Amino acid sequence: MKTFEEFQAVATKVPPSLRNNLDRISFPVIGLQEEAGRIGSLLARASSSGRFEMTPEQRSKLQDKLADILWYVALLCGETGITMQEVAAHSVAQLEERLKQLDPDQR
């Protein structure tokens, strides 16, 4: 896989007919919320000693959770007609603008 378009094409192969119209939005939204909470718990455990240190198992679980989040984002993008590439490009533009606001020479 080289692009977000390729990822989105694979990730959205779940037939929408398996979900009703409400579930087509609520399913990925609830999934995002759940996975974000799981990531928070995982990272809290990794830093419970006062230092942030992840075990190989925690790193693997984090990778799984981040992959799940990408899948839920792809589902939402598919349902709303927004491509993941558009989201990524918009994110880059937002980051560049935020960086300008932080840089005193560019204010």
Protein backbone atom coordinates (compact mmCIF):
# COMPACT_ATOMS: atom_id res chain seq x y z
CA MET A 1 0.00 0.00 0.00
CA LYS A 2 1.40 3.36 -0.99
CA THR A 3 -1.37 5.90 -0.52
CA PHE A 4 -4.31 6.70 1.70
CA GLU A 5 -6.57 6.08 -1.32
CA GLU A 6 -5.32 2.50 -1.52
CA PHE A 7 -5.83 2.03 2.21
CA GLN A 8 -9.32 3.54 2.08
CA ALA A 9 -10.28 1.27 -0.82
CA VAL A 10 -9.32 -1.82 1.19
CA ALA A 11 -10.64 -0.56 4.54
CA THR A 12 -14.10 0.30 3.26
CA LYS A 13 -14.77 -3.09 1.67
CA VAL A 14 -17.11 -3.87 4.59
CA PRO A 15 -20.48 -3.85 2.82
CA PRO A 16 -22.64 -0.96 4.08
CA SER A 17 -25.65 -3.29 3.74
CA LEU A 18 -24.40 -5.06 6.87
CA ARG A 19 -25.21 -1.93 8.87
CA ASN A 20 -28.29 0.28 8.99
CA ASN A 21 -27.97 3.99 8.14
CA LEU A 22 -27.48 5.06 11.76
CA ASP A 23 -24.81 2.42 12.35
CA ARG A 24 -22.86 3.60 9.30
CA ILE A 25 -21.93 6.70 11.31
CA SER A 26 -22.30 5.64 14.95
CA PHE A 27 -20.25 2.43 14.54
CA PRO A 28 -17.00 4.20 13.53
CA VAL A 29 -17.58 7.09 15.95
CA ILE A 30 -18.03 4.75 18.91
CA GLY A 31 -15.06 2.71 17.67
CA LEU A 32 -12.86 5.82 17.62
CA GLN A 33 -13.90 6.70 21.15
CA GLU A 34 -13.22 3.20 22.44
CA GLU A 35 -9.83 2.89 20.75
CA ALA A 36 -8.73 6.34 21.94
CA GLY A 37 -9.55 5.27 25.50
CA ARG A 38 -7.63 2.04 25.08
CA ILE A 39 -4.62 3.92 23.76
CA GLY A 40 -4.79 6.29 26.73
CA SER A 41 -4.84 3.36 29.15
CA LEU A 42 -2.01 1.62 27.35
CA LEU A 43 0.19 4.73 27.39
CA ALA A 44 -0.65 5.42 31.04
CA ARG A 45 0.57 1.94 31.94
CA ALA A 46 3.72 2.48 29.87
CA SER A 47 4.52 5.59 31.87
CA SER A 48 3.33 4.41 35.30
CA SER A 49 6.90 4.18 36.59
CA GLY A 50 7.42 7.88 35.98
CA ARG A 51 9.34 7.19 32.78
CA PHE A 52 7.77 6.39 29.46
CA GLU A 53 8.92 2.91 28.52
CA MET A 54 6.96 0.56 26.28
CA THR A 55 7.46 -3.18 26.25
CA PRO A 56 7.45 -4.93 22.88
CA GLU A 57 3.97 -6.26 23.72
CA GLN A 58 2.70 -2.74 24.51
CA ARG A 59 4.22 -1.43 21.28
CA SER A 60 2.46 -4.17 19.33
CA LYS A 61 -0.86 -3.43 21.05
CA LEU A 62 -0.43 0.29 20.33
CA GLN A 63 0.20 -0.47 16.67
CA ASP A 64 -2.98 -2.60 16.61
CA LYS A 65 -5.04 0.19 18.20
CA LEU A 66 -3.65 2.84 15.83
CA ALA A 67 -4.47 0.56 12.89
CA ASP A 68 -8.03 0.22 14.23
CA ILE A 69 -8.30 4.00 14.43
CA LEU A 70 -7.19 4.32 10.81
CA TRP A 71 -9.89 1.82 9.84
CA TYR A 72 -12.59 3.79 11.66
CA VAL A 73 -11.36 7.02 10.04
CA ALA A 74 -11.53 5.33 6.63
CA LEU A 75 -15.11 4.22 7.33
CA LEU A 76 -16.13 7.75 8.33
CA CYS A 77 -14.39 9.21 5.30
CA GLY A 78 -16.19 6.75 3.05
CA GLU A 79 -19.58 7.54 4.57
CA THR A 80 -19.08 11.31 4.31
CA GLY A 81 -17.46 11.45 0.88
CA ILE A 82 -14.15 12.79 2.17
CA THR A 83 -10.98 11.01 1.12
CA MET A 84 -8.26 10.19 3.60
CA GLN A 85 -5.86 12.01 1.28
CA GLU A 86 -7.98 15.17 1.68
CA VAL A 87 -7.92 14.74 5.46
CA ALA A 88 -4.14 14.28 5.44
CA ALA A 89 -3.62 17.35 3.22
CA HIS A 90 -5.93 19.40 5.43
CA SER A 91 -4.04 18.21 8.51
CA VAL A 92 -0.72 19.30 6.99
CA ALA A 93 -2.18 22.75 6.23
CA GLN A 94 -3.47 23.03 9.82
CA LEU A 95 -0.10 22.00 11.23
CA GLU A 96 1.75 24.49 9.06
CA GLU A 97 -0.58 27.27 10.23
CA ARG A 98 -0.15 26.28 13.87
CA LEU A 99 3.61 26.23 13.50
CA LYS A 100 3.50 29.77 12.09
CA GLN A 101 1.53 30.88 15.15
CA LEU A 102 4.19 29.38 17.40
CA ASP A 103 7.11 30.94 15.52
CA PRO A 104 7.58 34.54 16.70
CA ASP A 105 9.34 35.43 13.44
CA GLN A 106 6.26 34.49 11.38
CA ARG A 107 3.53 36.10 13.50
